[in-house]
Amino acid sequence: MYEQPPGEPQQPWRRPPPSQGNWPWVLLGCGIAALLVLILMVACTASFFGTVLSPSGSGEGGAGTSEDTSGGPDAPGDGDGGTSAEGESQDIGIGEPGVMADWRITVDSVETSPTYGDGYSLEEAQGEFHLVGLIVENIGREVGHFSEEDLTLIDAEGNRHEADTSILADDALSSEQVNPGNRVTGTVAFDLPEGAQSTVLEVSGAGAPLEILLD
């Protein structure tokens, strides 16, 4: 059995101090990682809001894009005989077809006469008859009803004249039921003061009125 040498006092036993280990370095590493993540999040947020809030076009590029989308040769209303998107009057004259809703209408001729009719139905104008020859075609998909009551003749003074629907002439264009793809022709008489000048035939009905220039 081991014995302590004489003269050396016996030292009491003490618990060794706890080891610090690597905890300080672990905490420091976690702090640095959290700081890097925070910086990355701030940078991504700033980039996102900068993209969203920035204008889509600036300077000459933005202005050029806006100008390219306005107007142009293919704008609505430039089609053959079609009405404009704003419902403005078409520049159509005698012999040129104009479109209103499901109708294609052409003024074929304009004549003046003191009388109009056939035989016993011959009538004398109060002033002077303006006889408007029309070609009316149904370009829709359903049967349509065209009436001369939808026509108004406007003279050079701006006066509006209704059609005379009481004359029973062979070539008179009266109320007609027209199937899709069919056309009717005939004459519509307007009794204007003698010497008056007819300038516009207005066709009303569905949609914006169609105006056909007669002078």
Protein backbone atom coordinates (compact mmCIF):
# COMPACT_ATOMS: atom_id res chain seq x y z
CA MET A 1 0.00 0.00 0.00
CA TYR A 2 1.28 3.39 -0.94
CA GLU A 3 2.10 5.69 1.91
CA GLN A 4 2.55 9.44 1.75
CA PRO A 5 6.15 10.39 2.51
CA PRO A 6 6.56 11.91 5.90
CA GLY A 7 6.74 15.67 6.09
CA GLU A 8 4.35 16.35 3.19
CA PRO A 9 0.91 17.54 4.28
CA GLN A 10 -2.03 15.80 2.72
CA GLN A 11 -3.83 18.05 0.14
CA PRO A 12 -7.61 17.97 0.12
CA TRP A 13 -9.28 16.80 -3.16
CA ARG A 14 -10.85 19.56 -5.31
CA ARG A 15 -13.25 19.32 -8.27
CA PRO A 16 -11.55 20.54 -11.44
CA PRO A 17 -13.04 23.72 -12.94
CA PRO A 18 -15.50 23.14 -15.80
CA SER A 19 -13.99 23.33 -19.22
CA GLN A 20 -15.09 26.30 -21.40
CA GLY A 21 -14.98 24.12 -24.51
CA ASN A 22 -15.84 25.70 -27.93
CA TRP A 23 -19.10 27.51 -26.94
CA PRO A 24 -17.74 31.06 -27.43
CA TRP A 25 -16.70 30.23 -30.98
CA VAL A 26 -20.04 28.58 -31.74
CA LEU A 27 -21.97 31.62 -30.51
CA LEU A 28 -19.73 33.95 -32.49
CA GLY A 29 -20.28 31.89 -35.66
CA CYS A 30 -24.05 31.90 -35.19
CA GLY A 31 -24.05 35.66 -34.74
CA ILE A 32 -22.05 36.21 -37.92
CA ALA A 33 -24.38 33.89 -39.90
CA ALA A 34 -27.48 35.70 -38.62
CA LEU A 35 -25.94 39.04 -39.59
CA LEU A 36 -25.19 37.77 -43.11
CA VAL A 37 -28.77 36.49 -43.52
CA LEU A 38 -30.16 39.85 -42.38
CA ILE A 39 -27.97 41.74 -44.85
CA LEU A 40 -29.05 39.40 -47.66
CA MET A 41 -32.74 39.89 -46.81
CA VAL A 42 -32.37 43.69 -46.80
CA ALA A 43 -30.60 43.61 -50.17
CA CYS A 44 -33.29 41.37 -51.74
CA THR A 45 -36.11 43.57 -50.38
CA ALA A 46 -34.52 46.73 -51.73
CA SER A 47 -34.00 45.12 -55.14
CA PHE A 48 -37.64 43.91 -55.26
CA PHE A 49 -39.20 47.27 -54.39
CA GLY A 50 -36.83 49.07 -56.73
CA THR A 51 -38.06 46.90 -59.63
CA VAL A 52 -41.75 47.26 -58.77
CA LEU A 53 -41.72 51.00 -58.19
CA SER A 54 -39.58 51.91 -61.18
CA PRO A 55 -41.54 53.19 -64.27
CA SER A 56 -41.99 50.74 -67.13
CA GLY A 57 -40.47 53.15 -69.60
CA SER A 58 -38.57 56.38 -69.24
CA GLY A 59 -37.09 58.95 -71.52
CA GLU A 60 -37.35 58.40 -75.25
CA GLY A 61 -38.08 54.70 -74.91
CA GLY A 62 -41.26 55.23 -72.84
CA ALA A 63 -42.55 57.97 -75.10
CA GLY A 64 -41.91 55.87 -78.19
CA THR A 65 -43.97 52.97 -76.82
CA SER A 66 -46.92 55.26 -76.10
CA GLU A 67 -46.85 56.77 -79.57
CA ASP A 68 -46.66 53.39 -81.31
CA THR A 69 -49.98 52.28 -79.75
CA SER A 70 -51.99 55.26 -80.99
CA GLY A 71 -53.74 55.38 -84.32
CA GLY A 72 -52.33 53.78 -87.43
CA PRO A 73 -53.52 52.50 -90.78
CA ASP A 74 -55.27 49.54 -89.14
CA ALA A 75 -57.31 51.64 -86.69
CA PRO A 76 -61.02 50.76 -86.31
CA GLY A 77 -63.31 52.43 -88.81
CA ASP A 78 -60.82 52.37 -91.71
CA GLY A 79 -62.46 49.35 -93.31
CA ASP A 80 -64.31 49.50 -96.61
CA GLY A 81 -67.62 51.21 -96.04
CA GLY A 82 -67.51 50.71 -92.26
CA THR A 83 -68.50 53.19 -89.60
CA SER A 84 -65.84 54.63 -87.34
CA ALA A 85 -65.41 53.49 -83.74
CA GLU A 86 -66.64 56.90 -82.49
CA GLY A 87 -69.74 56.75 -84.69
CA GLU A 88 -68.61 59.69 -86.86
CA SER A 89 -70.08 60.34 -90.31
CA GLN A 90 -68.50 58.47 -93.19
CA ASP A 91 -67.19 60.33 -96.22
CA ILE A 92 -69.43 58.52 -98.70
CA GLY A 93 -70.88 59.94 -101.88
CA ILE A 94 -73.12 58.86 -104.72
CA GLY A 95 -72.22 55.39 -106.01
CA GLU A 96 -70.25 54.47 -102.87
CA PRO A 97 -71.60 51.88 -100.40
CA GLY A 98 -72.00 52.78 -96.76
CA VAL A 99 -72.65 50.41 -93.87
CA MET A 100 -75.06 50.91 -91.00
CA ALA A 101 -75.59 47.94 -88.68
CA ASP A 102 -76.64 45.01 -90.94
CA TRP A 103 -77.30 47.14 -94.03
CA ARG A 104 -75.08 48.13 -96.93
CA ILE A 105 -76.68 51.16 -98.61
CA THR A 106 -75.71 52.85 -101.86
CA VAL A 107 -77.22 55.97 -103.40
CA ASP A 108 -77.34 55.16 -107.08
CA SER A 109 -78.74 58.44 -108.41
CA VAL A 110 -80.41 61.73 -107.47
CA GLU A 111 -82.84 63.48 -109.82
CA THR A 112 -85.42 66.24 -109.56
CA SER A 113 -88.92 66.29 -111.07
CA PRO A 114 -92.16 68.27 -110.61
CA THR A 115 -94.13 65.01 -110.60
CA TYR A 116 -93.66 61.40 -109.56
CA GLY A 117 -95.75 58.26 -109.94
CA ASP A 118 -97.43 56.11 -112.60
CA GLY A 119 -100.78 56.63 -114.27
CA TYR A 120 -103.51 57.31 -111.76
CA SER A 121 -100.96 57.48 -108.90
CA LEU A 122 -99.06 60.34 -110.53
CA GLU A 123 -98.62 63.12 -108.02
CA GLU A 124 -97.45 66.68 -108.36
CA ALA A 125 -94.97 68.06 -105.87
CA GLN A 126 -95.75 71.00 -103.65
CA GLY A 127 -92.32 72.27 -104.60
CA GLU A 128 -90.07 69.81 -106.41
CA PHE A 129 -89.48 66.09 -105.96
CA HIS A 130 -85.94 64.95 -105.25
CA LEU A 131 -85.87 61.32 -106.36
CA VAL A 132 -83.14 59.28 -104.66
CA GLY A 133 -82.30 55.88 -106.20
CA LEU A 134 -81.14 53.36 -103.59
CA ILE A 135 -79.57 49.90 -103.44
CA VAL A 136 -80.11 48.24 -100.05
CA GLU A 137 -78.44 44.94 -99.13
CA ASN A 138 -78.85 42.88 -95.97
CA ILE A 139 -75.33 41.88 -94.87
CA GLY A 140 -76.44 40.45 -91.53
CA ARG A 141 -77.31 36.90 -90.51
CA GLU A 142 -81.02 37.44 -89.88
CA VAL A 143 -83.97 38.76 -91.82
CA GLY A 144 -84.22 42.55 -91.66
CA HIS A 145 -86.94 45.14 -92.26
CA PHE A 146 -85.89 48.25 -94.17
CA SER A 147 -88.23 51.23 -94.29
CA GLU A 148 -88.08 54.48 -96.21
CA GLU A 149 -89.26 56.13 -93.00
CA ASP A 150 -85.70 55.75 -91.73
CA LEU A 151 -84.47 58.14 -94.44
CA THR A 152 -84.08 61.90 -94.05
CA LEU A 153 -82.97 64.33 -96.78
CA ILE A 154 -81.04 67.39 -95.58
CA ASP A 155 -80.85 70.45 -97.80
CA ALA A 156 -78.15 73.10 -98.06
CA GLU A 157 -79.90 75.22 -95.41
CA GLY A 158 -79.85 72.37 -92.91
CA ASN A 159 -83.59 71.68 -93.18
CA ARG A 160 -84.62 68.06 -92.70
CA HIS A 161 -87.19 66.48 -95.05
CA GLU A 162 -89.02 63.18 -94.62
CA ALA A 163 -89.74 60.77 -97.48
CA ASP A 164 -93.13 60.89 -99.21
CA THR A 165 -94.48 57.39 -98.53
CA SER A 166 -97.92 57.93 -100.09
CA ILE A 167 -96.84 57.64 -103.73
CA LEU A 168 -97.54 54.23 -105.30
CA ALA A 169 -94.97 54.10 -108.10
CA ASP A 170 -93.67 50.91 -109.68
CA ASP A 171 -90.09 51.73 -108.80
CA ALA A 172 -90.80 53.15 -105.33
CA LEU A 173 -88.80 51.67 -102.49
CA SER A 174 -91.31 50.94 -99.75
CA SER A 175 -91.00 49.02 -96.50
CA GLU A 176 -89.26 45.79 -97.39
CA GLN A 177 -88.45 42.56 -95.56
CA VAL A 178 -85.03 41.46 -96.76
CA ASN A 179 -83.41 38.10 -96.10
CA PRO A 180 -79.67 37.83 -95.38
CA GLY A 181 -77.60 38.26 -98.55
CA ASN A 182 -80.50 39.71 -100.57
CA ARG A 183 -80.83 43.24 -101.91
CA VAL A 184 -83.62 45.54 -102.98
CA THR A 185 -83.55 48.59 -105.25
CA GLY A 186 -85.95 51.45 -105.66
CA THR A 187 -86.61 55.17 -105.55
CA VAL A 188 -87.52 57.33 -102.58
CA ALA A 189 -89.21 60.69 -103.21
CA PHE A 190 -88.70 63.82 -101.09
CA ASP A 191 -90.79 66.95 -101.65
CA LEU A 192 -88.48 69.96 -101.26
CA PRO A 193 -89.08 73.64 -102.03
CA GLU A 194 -88.40 74.48 -105.64
CA GLY A 195 -84.77 75.38 -106.16
CA ALA A 196 -83.61 73.75 -102.90
CA GLN A 197 -80.38 71.77 -103.03
CA SER A 198 -80.21 68.35 -101.41
CA THR A 199 -76.86 67.76 -99.75
CA VAL A 200 -77.06 64.75 -97.41
CA LEU A 201 -79.15 61.60 -97.13
CA GLU A 202 -79.29 60.42 -93.54
CA VAL A 203 -80.13 56.80 -92.77
CA SER A 204 -81.13 56.15 -89.16
CA GLY A 205 -81.79 52.93 -87.30
CA ALA A 206 -79.57 50.68 -85.20
CA GLY A 207 -76.26 52.27 -84.31
CA ALA A 208 -74.96 55.66 -85.43
CA PRO A 209 -76.75 57.29 -88.41
CA LEU A 210 -75.21 56.88 -91.83
CA GLU A 211 -74.78 60.07 -93.85
CA ILE A 212 -74.30 59.96 -97.62
CA LEU A 213 -73.19 63.12 -99.41
CA LEU A 214 -75.27 64.07 -102.43
CA ASP A 215 -73.44 67.15 -103.76
